[in-house]
C-alpha cells in the first residue's frame, strides 16, 4: 500500500467512513449542480421527452352533420 503509514496517524474506523462520506457528498454535489445548471440532465432522468403524435379529425361538413342528425332521429 502506497500510503500505509496513514493508518498509524488516523484510526481506520474514523478514516474510512470519512473517506466514503466525502466521496458520497462530492457525487451528490456534482449531480445536483449538473441537474440545476443543464436542461438535458433532468430529461435524461425522466426518460426523455415523449413525443405524442397528434391526429387531426377531418373537418365535418354541414352535409355530414345533417346526415348524422338524421340517423339519430
N, C-alpha and C. Protein backbone atom coordinates (compact mmCIF):
# COMPACT_ATOMS: atom_id res chain seq x y z
N UNK A 1 0.85 -1.18 0.00
CA UNK A 1 0.00 0.00 0.00
C UNK A 1 0.89 1.24 0.00
N UNK A 2 0.57 2.20 -0.85
CA UNK A 2 1.38 3.37 -1.05
C UNK A 2 1.40 4.27 0.20
N UNK A 3 0.26 4.48 0.82
CA UNK A 3 0.16 5.37 1.98
C UNK A 3 -0.20 4.57 3.23
N UNK A 4 0.47 3.45 3.45
CA UNK A 4 0.16 2.56 4.57
C UNK A 4 0.40 3.20 5.93
N UNK A 5 1.32 4.13 6.03
CA UNK A 5 1.62 4.77 7.31
C UNK A 5 0.53 5.73 7.76
N UNK A 6 -0.41 6.06 6.87
CA UNK A 6 -1.51 6.95 7.22
C UNK A 6 -2.31 6.37 8.37
N UNK A 7 -2.48 5.04 8.39
CA UNK A 7 -3.34 4.41 9.40
C UNK A 7 -2.65 4.36 10.77
N UNK A 8 -1.38 4.75 10.85
CA UNK A 8 -0.76 4.90 12.17
C UNK A 8 -1.12 6.25 12.78
N UNK A 9 -1.58 7.20 11.94
CA UNK A 9 -1.96 8.52 12.41
C UNK A 9 -3.48 8.61 12.58
N UNK A 10 -4.20 8.09 11.61
CA UNK A 10 -5.66 8.14 11.61
C UNK A 10 -6.18 6.72 11.79
N UNK A 11 -7.07 6.54 12.76
CA UNK A 11 -7.66 5.24 13.01
C UNK A 11 -8.54 4.85 11.83
N UNK A 12 -8.43 3.62 11.30
CA UNK A 12 -9.25 3.22 10.16
C UNK A 12 -10.76 3.29 10.43
N UNK A 13 -11.18 3.14 11.67
CA UNK A 13 -12.61 3.22 11.96
C UNK A 13 -13.12 4.66 11.84
N UNK A 14 -12.22 5.62 11.79
CA UNK A 14 -12.59 7.01 11.57
C UNK A 14 -12.29 7.42 10.13
N UNK A 15 -11.15 7.03 9.61
CA UNK A 15 -10.69 7.47 8.30
C UNK A 15 -11.50 6.91 7.15
N UNK A 16 -11.86 5.62 7.22
CA UNK A 16 -12.61 5.01 6.13
C UNK A 16 -14.01 5.62 6.00
N UNK A 17 -14.79 5.77 7.08
CA UNK A 17 -16.09 6.44 6.92
C UNK A 17 -15.96 7.89 6.45
N UNK A 18 -14.93 8.60 6.87
CA UNK A 18 -14.72 9.97 6.39
C UNK A 18 -14.43 9.98 4.89
N UNK A 19 -13.62 9.06 4.44
CA UNK A 19 -13.29 8.97 3.02
C UNK A 19 -14.54 8.63 2.20
N UNK A 20 -15.29 7.63 2.62
CA UNK A 20 -16.50 7.25 1.88
C UNK A 20 -17.57 8.35 1.95
N UNK A 21 -17.67 9.02 3.08
CA UNK A 21 -18.61 10.14 3.20
C UNK A 21 -18.24 11.29 2.28
N UNK A 22 -16.95 11.58 2.18
CA UNK A 22 -16.50 12.65 1.28
C UNK A 22 -16.79 12.30 -0.18
N UNK A 23 -16.60 11.05 -0.55
CA UNK A 23 -16.90 10.63 -1.92
C UNK A 23 -18.40 10.76 -2.19
N UNK A 24 -19.24 10.34 -1.24
CA UNK A 24 -20.69 10.42 -1.43
C UNK A 24 -21.16 11.87 -1.52
N UNK A 25 -20.65 12.74 -0.67
CA UNK A 25 -21.04 14.15 -0.70
C UNK A 25 -20.60 14.80 -2.01
N UNK A 26 -19.40 14.48 -2.45
CA UNK A 26 -18.91 15.03 -3.72
C UNK A 26 -19.78 14.58 -4.89
N UNK A 27 -20.15 13.31 -4.92
CA UNK A 27 -21.00 12.81 -6.00
C UNK A 27 -22.37 13.49 -5.98
N UNK A 28 -22.94 13.66 -4.80
CA UNK A 28 -24.25 14.33 -4.70
C UNK A 28 -24.16 15.79 -5.15
N UNK A 29 -23.10 16.47 -4.78
CA UNK A 29 -22.94 17.87 -5.19
C UNK A 29 -22.75 18.00 -6.70
N UNK A 30 -22.00 17.09 -7.28
CA UNK A 30 -21.80 17.13 -8.74
C UNK A 30 -23.12 16.89 -9.46
N UNK A 31 -23.88 15.88 -9.02
CA UNK A 31 -25.16 15.59 -9.66
C UNK A 31 -26.14 16.75 -9.46
N UNK A 32 -26.17 17.32 -8.29
CA UNK A 32 -27.09 18.44 -8.04
C UNK A 32 -26.73 19.65 -8.89
N UNK A 33 -25.45 19.94 -9.04
CA UNK A 33 -25.07 21.09 -9.85
C UNK A 33 -25.36 20.85 -11.32
N UNK A 34 -25.16 19.63 -11.81
CA UNK A 34 -25.50 19.33 -13.20
C UNK A 34 -27.01 19.43 -13.40
N UNK A 35 -27.77 18.93 -12.44
CA UNK A 35 -29.23 18.96 -12.55
C UNK A 35 -29.77 20.38 -12.58
N UNK A 36 -29.18 21.27 -11.81
CA UNK A 36 -29.70 22.64 -11.75
C UNK A 36 -29.15 23.55 -12.85
N UNK A 37 -28.06 23.17 -13.50
CA UNK A 37 -27.44 24.04 -14.49
C UNK A 37 -27.58 23.56 -15.93
N UNK A 38 -28.26 22.44 -16.16
CA UNK A 38 -28.46 21.96 -17.51
C UNK A 38 -29.93 21.64 -17.73
N UNK A 39 -30.32 21.53 -18.99
CA UNK A 39 -31.70 21.16 -19.30
C UNK A 39 -31.80 19.69 -19.69
N UNK A 40 -30.72 19.10 -20.16
CA UNK A 40 -30.79 17.74 -20.66
C UNK A 40 -30.72 16.70 -19.55
N UNK A 41 -30.11 17.03 -18.41
CA UNK A 41 -29.91 16.01 -17.37
C UNK A 41 -31.21 15.61 -16.71
N UNK A 42 -32.09 16.57 -16.43
CA UNK A 42 -33.37 16.22 -15.82
C UNK A 42 -34.22 15.43 -16.80
N UNK A 43 -34.14 15.76 -18.10
CA UNK A 43 -34.87 14.99 -19.11
C UNK A 43 -34.32 13.57 -19.20
N UNK A 44 -33.01 13.42 -19.01
CA UNK A 44 -32.40 12.10 -19.02
C UNK A 44 -32.91 11.26 -17.86
N UNK A 45 -33.01 11.84 -16.67
CA UNK A 45 -33.51 11.10 -15.50
C UNK A 45 -34.99 10.77 -15.66
N UNK A 46 -35.74 11.58 -16.37
CA UNK A 46 -37.17 11.32 -16.57
C UNK A 46 -37.41 10.37 -17.74
N UNK A 47 -36.38 9.96 -18.42
CA UNK A 47 -36.55 9.05 -19.55
C UNK A 47 -36.70 9.76 -20.87
N UNK A 48 -36.41 11.03 -20.92
CA UNK A 48 -36.51 11.79 -22.16
C UNK A 48 -37.93 12.27 -22.41
N UNK A 49 -38.03 13.19 -23.28
CA UNK A 49 -39.34 13.75 -23.62
C UNK A 49 -40.07 12.79 -24.55
N UNK A 50 -41.28 12.49 -24.22
CA UNK A 50 -42.09 11.60 -25.05
C UNK A 50 -42.77 12.43 -26.13
N UNK A 51 -42.65 11.98 -27.36
CA UNK A 51 -43.29 12.68 -28.47
C UNK A 51 -44.64 12.02 -28.72
N UNK A 52 -45.66 12.82 -28.72
CA UNK A 52 -47.02 12.33 -28.94
C UNK A 52 -47.49 12.84 -30.29
N UNK A 53 -47.93 11.91 -31.11
CA UNK A 53 -48.43 12.29 -32.44
C UNK A 53 -49.87 12.75 -32.31
N UNK A 54 -50.13 13.91 -32.85
CA UNK A 54 -51.48 14.45 -32.82
C UNK A 54 -52.13 14.17 -34.17
N UNK A 55 -53.30 13.56 -34.13
CA UNK A 55 -54.05 13.29 -35.35
C UNK A 55 -55.25 14.21 -35.36
N UNK A 56 -55.34 14.99 -36.43
CA UNK A 56 -56.46 15.92 -36.53
C UNK A 56 -57.66 15.21 -37.13
N UNK A 57 -58.80 15.46 -36.55
CA UNK A 57 -60.04 14.90 -37.09
C UNK A 57 -60.41 15.68 -38.34
N UNK A 58 -60.95 15.00 -39.31
CA UNK A 58 -61.36 15.73 -40.52
C UNK A 58 -62.49 16.69 -40.20
N UNK A 59 -62.47 17.81 -40.84
CA UNK A 59 -63.50 18.82 -40.60
C UNK A 59 -64.84 18.29 -41.10
N UNK A 60 -65.82 18.37 -40.25
CA UNK A 60 -67.15 17.88 -40.63
C UNK A 60 -67.85 18.92 -41.49
N UNK A 61 -68.36 18.47 -42.59
CA UNK A 61 -69.10 19.37 -43.48
C UNK A 61 -70.54 19.49 -42.98
N UNK A 62 -71.22 20.52 -43.34
CA UNK A 62 -72.62 20.65 -42.90
C UNK A 62 -73.48 19.47 -43.36
N UNK A 63 -73.19 18.91 -44.55
CA UNK A 63 -73.97 17.77 -45.03
C UNK A 63 -73.75 16.55 -44.13
N UNK A 64 -72.51 16.37 -43.67
CA UNK A 64 -72.23 15.23 -42.80
C UNK A 64 -72.92 15.39 -41.46
N UNK A 65 -73.00 16.60 -40.95
CA UNK A 65 -73.69 16.85 -39.68
C UNK A 65 -75.18 16.56 -39.83
N UNK A 66 -75.76 16.95 -40.94
CA UNK A 66 -77.18 16.70 -41.17
C UNK A 66 -77.46 15.22 -41.29
N UNK A 67 -76.55 14.49 -41.97
CA UNK A 67 -76.74 13.06 -42.12
C UNK A 67 -76.64 12.37 -40.76
N UNK A 68 -75.73 12.82 -39.92
CA UNK A 68 -75.60 12.24 -38.60
C UNK A 68 -76.84 12.51 -37.76
N UNK A 69 -77.35 13.72 -37.83
CA UNK A 69 -78.57 14.06 -37.08
C UNK A 69 -79.76 13.27 -37.58
N UNK A 70 -79.84 13.06 -38.88
CA UNK A 70 -80.95 12.31 -39.46
C UNK A 70 -80.91 10.85 -39.03
N UNK A 71 -79.70 10.31 -38.87
CA UNK A 71 -79.56 8.91 -38.46
C UNK A 71 -79.94 8.72 -37.00
N UNK A 72 -79.70 9.73 -36.18
CA UNK A 72 -80.03 9.63 -34.76
C UNK A 72 -81.53 9.72 -34.51
N UNK A 73 -82.27 10.34 -35.42
CA UNK A 73 -83.71 10.53 -35.20
C UNK A 73 -84.46 9.35 -35.61
